């Protein structure tokens, strides 16, 4: 092995090491960027979980409210039905009374 061959191999090795170092720096930068994005994604995931939990509780509250409104509406409907029957009964009674007066029943 001659001195020239040895110098050429050293130069090639230095070039390779330089390329590897550049690649390592590039990879380090990319890894840092990915880590930053990962932290952001984890924050978003946490926020989404909180929203999902809040939505679940809101849905439960909404279901309870719907049930309460349904009960109130059914009470009003029952009152209205009774009122309608009272009106019908009053009209029928009035009609029978008018007929009775016309035919002379006292």
N, C-alpha and C. Protein backbone atom coordinates (compact mmCIF):
# COMPACT_ATOMS: atom_id res chain seq x y z
N UNK A 1 0.85 -1.16 0.00
CA UNK A 1 0.00 0.00 0.00
C UNK A 1 0.90 1.23 0.00
N UNK A 2 0.60 2.08 -0.89
CA UNK A 2 1.43 3.27 -1.03
C UNK A 2 0.82 4.41 -0.23
N UNK A 3 1.62 5.41 -0.10
CA UNK A 3 1.19 6.59 0.65
C UNK A 3 0.02 7.29 -0.06
N UNK A 4 0.05 7.31 -1.37
CA UNK A 4 -1.03 7.91 -2.15
C UNK A 4 -2.34 7.16 -1.96
N UNK A 5 -2.26 5.82 -1.97
CA UNK A 5 -3.47 5.01 -1.74
C UNK A 5 -4.03 5.26 -0.35
N UNK A 6 -3.14 5.35 0.60
CA UNK A 6 -3.57 5.58 1.98
C UNK A 6 -4.21 6.96 2.11
N UNK A 7 -3.63 7.98 1.49
CA UNK A 7 -4.20 9.32 1.53
C UNK A 7 -5.56 9.36 0.82
N UNK A 8 -5.67 8.64 -0.27
CA UNK A 8 -6.93 8.58 -0.99
C UNK A 8 -8.01 7.92 -0.14
N UNK A 9 -7.65 6.84 0.54
CA UNK A 9 -8.62 6.16 1.42
C UNK A 9 -9.01 7.06 2.58
N UNK A 10 -8.07 7.81 3.14
CA UNK A 10 -8.36 8.73 4.23
C UNK A 10 -9.29 9.83 3.73
N UNK A 11 -9.02 10.37 2.56
CA UNK A 11 -9.88 11.41 1.98
C UNK A 11 -11.30 10.87 1.74
N UNK A 12 -11.39 9.66 1.19
CA UNK A 12 -12.70 9.04 0.97
C UNK A 12 -13.43 8.83 2.28
N UNK A 13 -12.68 8.40 3.28
CA UNK A 13 -13.28 8.17 4.60
C UNK A 13 -13.76 9.50 5.19
N UNK A 14 -12.96 10.56 5.05
CA UNK A 14 -13.36 11.87 5.55
C UNK A 14 -14.61 12.37 4.84
N UNK A 15 -14.68 12.14 3.55
CA UNK A 15 -15.87 12.54 2.78
C UNK A 15 -17.09 11.77 3.27
N UNK A 16 -16.92 10.47 3.47
CA UNK A 16 -18.03 9.64 3.95
C UNK A 16 -18.48 10.10 5.34
N UNK A 17 -17.51 10.36 6.23
CA UNK A 17 -17.84 10.81 7.58
C UNK A 17 -18.57 12.15 7.51
N UNK A 18 -18.13 13.04 6.65
CA UNK A 18 -18.76 14.34 6.49
C UNK A 18 -20.21 14.18 6.02
N UNK A 19 -20.42 13.28 5.06
CA UNK A 19 -21.78 13.02 4.56
C UNK A 19 -22.66 12.44 5.66
N UNK A 20 -22.08 11.52 6.44
CA UNK A 20 -22.85 10.89 7.53
C UNK A 20 -23.21 11.94 8.58
N UNK A 21 -22.28 12.85 8.89
CA UNK A 21 -22.56 13.91 9.85
C UNK A 21 -23.67 14.83 9.35
N UNK A 22 -23.62 15.20 8.06
CA UNK A 22 -24.66 16.04 7.48
C UNK A 22 -26.02 15.34 7.56
N UNK A 23 -26.00 14.06 7.24
CA UNK A 23 -27.25 13.28 7.29
C UNK A 23 -27.76 13.20 8.72
N UNK A 24 -26.85 13.03 9.68
CA UNK A 24 -27.24 12.96 11.08
C UNK A 24 -27.87 14.28 11.53
N UNK A 25 -27.30 15.41 11.11
CA UNK A 25 -27.86 16.72 11.45
C UNK A 25 -29.26 16.87 10.84
N UNK A 26 -29.38 16.45 9.59
CA UNK A 26 -30.68 16.52 8.91
C UNK A 26 -31.71 15.65 9.64
N UNK A 27 -31.30 14.46 10.01
CA UNK A 27 -32.20 13.54 10.72
C UNK A 27 -32.59 14.11 12.08
N UNK A 28 -31.62 14.72 12.77
CA UNK A 28 -31.90 15.31 14.07
C UNK A 28 -32.94 16.42 13.94
N UNK A 29 -32.78 17.27 12.91
CA UNK A 29 -33.74 18.34 12.68
C UNK A 29 -35.13 17.77 12.40
N UNK A 30 -35.19 16.76 11.56
CA UNK A 30 -36.47 16.14 11.24
C UNK A 30 -37.11 15.50 12.46
N UNK A 31 -36.30 14.86 13.28
CA UNK A 31 -36.82 14.22 14.50
C UNK A 31 -37.38 15.28 15.44
N UNK A 32 -36.68 16.40 15.57
CA UNK A 32 -37.17 17.48 16.43
C UNK A 32 -38.50 18.04 15.92
N UNK A 33 -38.62 18.18 14.61
CA UNK A 33 -39.88 18.65 14.03
C UNK A 33 -41.01 17.66 14.28
N UNK A 34 -40.71 16.38 14.13
CA UNK A 34 -41.73 15.35 14.36
C UNK A 34 -42.14 15.33 15.83
N UNK A 35 -41.18 15.49 16.73
CA UNK A 35 -41.50 15.52 18.15
C UNK A 35 -42.41 16.71 18.47
N UNK A 36 -42.15 17.85 17.88
CA UNK A 36 -43.00 19.03 18.11
C UNK A 36 -44.41 18.77 17.61
N UNK A 37 -44.52 18.19 16.42
CA UNK A 37 -45.84 17.86 15.88
C UNK A 37 -46.55 16.83 16.75
N UNK A 38 -45.81 15.88 17.26
CA UNK A 38 -46.39 14.85 18.13
C UNK A 38 -46.94 15.48 19.41
N UNK A 39 -46.22 16.44 19.97
CA UNK A 39 -46.71 17.13 21.16
C UNK A 39 -48.00 17.88 20.85
N UNK A 40 -48.05 18.55 19.70
CA UNK A 40 -49.27 19.25 19.30
C UNK A 40 -50.43 18.27 19.14
N UNK A 41 -50.15 17.15 18.48
CA UNK A 41 -51.20 16.14 18.27
C UNK A 41 -51.70 15.60 19.61
N UNK A 42 -50.79 15.38 20.55
CA UNK A 42 -51.20 14.89 21.86
C UNK A 42 -52.08 15.91 22.57
N UNK A 43 -51.75 17.19 22.42
CA UNK A 43 -52.59 18.24 23.01
C UNK A 43 -53.98 18.22 22.37
N UNK A 44 -54.01 18.09 21.07
CA UNK A 44 -55.30 18.05 20.37
C UNK A 44 -56.12 16.83 20.79
N UNK A 45 -55.45 15.71 20.93
CA UNK A 45 -56.14 14.49 21.35
C UNK A 45 -56.75 14.68 22.73
N UNK A 46 -55.98 15.30 23.62
CA UNK A 46 -56.51 15.57 24.97
C UNK A 46 -57.71 16.49 24.92
N UNK A 47 -57.65 17.52 24.09
CA UNK A 47 -58.78 18.44 23.96
C UNK A 47 -60.00 17.73 23.38
N UNK A 48 -59.77 16.88 22.41
CA UNK A 48 -60.88 16.13 21.81
C UNK A 48 -61.53 15.19 22.83
N UNK A 49 -60.70 14.56 23.66
CA UNK A 49 -61.25 13.69 24.71
C UNK A 49 -62.13 14.49 25.67
N UNK A 50 -61.65 15.68 26.06
CA UNK A 50 -62.45 16.53 26.95
C UNK A 50 -63.77 16.92 26.29
N UNK A 51 -63.71 17.27 25.02
CA UNK A 51 -64.94 17.62 24.30
C UNK A 51 -65.90 16.44 24.23
N UNK A 52 -65.35 15.26 24.02
CA UNK A 52 -66.21 14.07 23.95
C UNK A 52 -66.89 13.82 25.29
N UNK A 53 -66.15 14.00 26.38
CA UNK A 53 -66.74 13.80 27.71
C UNK A 53 -67.82 14.84 27.97
N UNK A 54 -67.52 16.10 27.65
CA UNK A 54 -68.50 17.16 27.84
C UNK A 54 -69.74 16.91 26.99
N UNK A 55 -69.55 16.46 25.77
CA UNK A 55 -70.67 16.16 24.89
C UNK A 55 -71.53 15.04 25.48
N UNK A 56 -70.87 14.05 26.05
CA UNK A 56 -71.60 12.94 26.68
C UNK A 56 -72.48 13.46 27.81
N UNK A 57 -71.91 14.30 28.69
CA UNK A 57 -72.69 14.84 29.81
C UNK A 57 -73.81 15.76 29.31
N UNK A 58 -73.51 16.54 28.25
CA UNK A 58 -74.55 17.40 27.70
C UNK A 58 -75.69 16.57 27.13
N UNK A 59 -75.35 15.45 26.50
CA UNK A 59 -76.39 14.57 25.93
C UNK A 59 -77.26 13.99 27.04
N UNK A 60 -76.61 13.60 28.14
CA UNK A 60 -77.38 13.07 29.27
C UNK A 60 -78.33 14.14 29.82
N UNK A 61 -77.81 15.37 29.97
CA UNK A 61 -78.66 16.47 30.44
C UNK A 61 -79.80 16.73 29.47
N UNK A 62 -79.51 16.68 28.18
CA UNK A 62 -80.54 16.90 27.17
C UNK A 62 -81.61 15.81 27.24
N UNK A 63 -81.20 14.56 27.42
CA UNK A 63 -82.17 13.48 27.53
C UNK A 63 -83.08 13.68 28.75
N UNK A 64 -82.49 14.12 29.87
CA UNK A 64 -83.30 14.38 31.07
C UNK A 64 -84.29 15.52 30.80
N UNK A 65 -83.82 16.55 30.12
CA UNK A 65 -84.69 17.69 29.80
C UNK A 65 -85.83 17.26 28.87
N UNK A 66 -85.51 16.46 27.90
CA UNK A 66 -86.54 15.95 26.98
C UNK A 66 -87.58 15.15 27.74
N UNK A 67 -87.13 14.32 28.68
CA UNK A 67 -88.08 13.53 29.46
C UNK A 67 -88.99 14.43 30.30
N UNK A 68 -88.39 15.47 30.91
CA UNK A 68 -89.20 16.38 31.73
C UNK A 68 -90.20 17.13 30.87
N UNK A 69 -89.78 17.57 29.69
CA UNK A 69 -90.69 18.28 28.79
C UNK A 69 -91.81 17.35 28.33
N UNK A 70 -91.47 16.11 28.04
CA UNK A 70 -92.49 15.14 27.62
C UNK A 70 -93.53 14.94 28.72
N UNK A 71 -93.06 14.87 29.95
CA UNK A 71 -94.02 14.72 31.07
C UNK A 71 -94.93 15.94 31.17
N UNK A 72 -94.34 17.13 31.05
CA UNK A 72 -95.14 18.35 31.12
C UNK A 72 -96.15 18.42 29.99
N UNK A 73 -95.71 18.07 28.80
CA UNK A 73 -96.61 18.09 27.65
C UNK A 73 -97.74 17.09 27.82
N UNK A 74 -97.43 15.92 28.36
CA UNK A 74 -98.49 14.92 28.53
C UNK A 74 -99.48 15.38 29.59
N UNK A 75 -99.01 16.11 30.62
CA UNK A 75 -99.94 16.63 31.63
C UNK A 75 -100.87 17.64 30.99
N UNK A 76 -100.31 18.54 30.19
CA UNK A 76 -101.14 19.53 29.51
C UNK A 76 -102.12 18.86 28.55
N UNK A 77 -101.66 17.84 27.88
CA UNK A 77 -102.53 17.12 26.95
C UNK A 77 -103.68 16.47 27.71
N UNK A 78 -103.38 15.90 28.88
CA UNK A 78 -104.45 15.28 29.69
C UNK A 78 -105.47 16.32 30.13
N UNK A 79 -104.96 17.49 30.55
CA UNK A 79 -105.87 18.56 30.97
C UNK A 79 -106.74 19.00 29.79
N UNK A 80 -106.13 19.15 28.63
CA UNK A 80 -106.87 19.58 27.44
C UNK A 80 -107.92 18.54 27.08
N UNK A 81 -107.58 17.25 27.16
CA UNK A 81 -108.56 16.19 26.86
C UNK A 81 -109.73 16.26 27.83
N UNK A 82 -109.45 16.45 29.11
CA UNK A 82 -110.55 16.56 30.09
C UNK A 82 -111.40 17.78 29.81
N UNK A 83 -110.75 18.89 29.47
CA UNK A 83 -111.48 20.11 29.17
C UNK A 83 -112.38 19.92 27.95
N UNK A 84 -111.88 19.25 26.92
CA UNK A 84 -112.69 18.99 25.72
C UNK A 84 -113.91 18.15 26.08
N UNK A 85 -113.73 17.14 26.92
CA UNK A 85 -114.87 16.30 27.30
C UNK A 85 -115.89 17.08 28.13
N UNK A 86 -115.38 18.00 28.97
CA UNK A 86 -116.31 18.84 29.74
C UNK A 86 -117.13 19.73 28.81
N UNK A 87 -116.49 20.29 27.80
CA UNK A 87 -117.20 21.12 26.83
C UNK A 87 -118.25 20.30 26.07
N UNK A 88 -117.83 19.10 25.62
CA UNK A 88 -118.77 18.22 24.91
C UNK A 88 -119.94 17.86 25.82
N UNK A 89 -119.62 17.52 27.08
CA UNK A 89 -120.70 17.16 28.01
C UNK A 89 -121.62 18.36 28.25
N UNK A 90 -121.04 19.57 28.36
CA UNK A 90 -121.86 20.77 28.56
C UNK A 90 -122.75 21.03 27.37
N UNK A 91 -122.19 20.90 26.16
CA UNK A 91 -122.99 21.12 24.95
C UNK A 91 -124.11 20.09 24.85
N UNK A 92 -123.79 18.84 25.14
CA UNK A 92 -124.83 17.78 25.09
C UNK A 92 -125.91 18.08 26.13
N UNK A 93 -125.47 18.47 27.34
CA UNK A 93 -126.45 18.78 28.39
C UNK A 93 -127.32 19.97 27.97
N UNK A 94 -126.68 20.99 27.40
CA UNK A 94 -127.42 22.16 26.93
C UNK A 94 -128.42 21.76 25.83
N UNK A 95 -127.94 20.92 24.91
CA UNK A 95 -128.83 20.45 23.83
C UNK A 95 -130.01 19.67 24.39
N UNK A 96 -129.75 18.79 25.31
CA UNK A 96 -130.85 18.00 25.91
C UNK A 96 -131.81 18.93 26.66
N UNK A 97 -131.24 19.94 27.34
CA UNK A 97 -132.08 20.90 28.06
C UNK A 97 -132.98 21.68 27.13
N UNK A 98 -132.41 22.13 26.00
CA UNK A 98 -133.21 22.89 25.01
C UNK A 98 -134.32 22.01 24.46
N UNK A 99 -133.98 20.78 24.14
CA UNK A 99 -134.98 19.84 23.59
C UNK A 99 -136.08 19.60 24.64
N UNK A 100 -135.65 19.43 25.89
CA UNK A 100 -136.62 19.18 26.95
C UNK A 100 -137.57 20.36 27.14
N UNK A 101 -137.03 21.58 27.04
CA UNK A 101 -137.88 22.77 27.19
C UNK A 101 -138.84 22.86 26.01
N UNK A 102 -138.39 22.55 24.82
CA UNK A 102 -139.27 22.65 23.65
C UNK A 102 -140.39 21.64 23.70
N UNK A 103 -140.12 20.48 24.23
CA UNK A 103 -141.22 19.49 24.25
C UNK A 103 -142.05 19.64 25.53
N UNK A 104 -141.65 20.57 26.37
CA UNK A 104 -142.49 20.88 27.52
C UNK A 104 -142.12 20.16 28.79
N UNK A 105 -140.99 19.54 28.88
CA UNK A 105 -140.62 18.90 30.14
C UNK A 105 -140.03 19.96 31.05
N UNK A 106 -140.53 19.99 32.26
CA UNK A 106 -140.04 20.97 33.20
C UNK A 106 -139.30 20.33 34.32
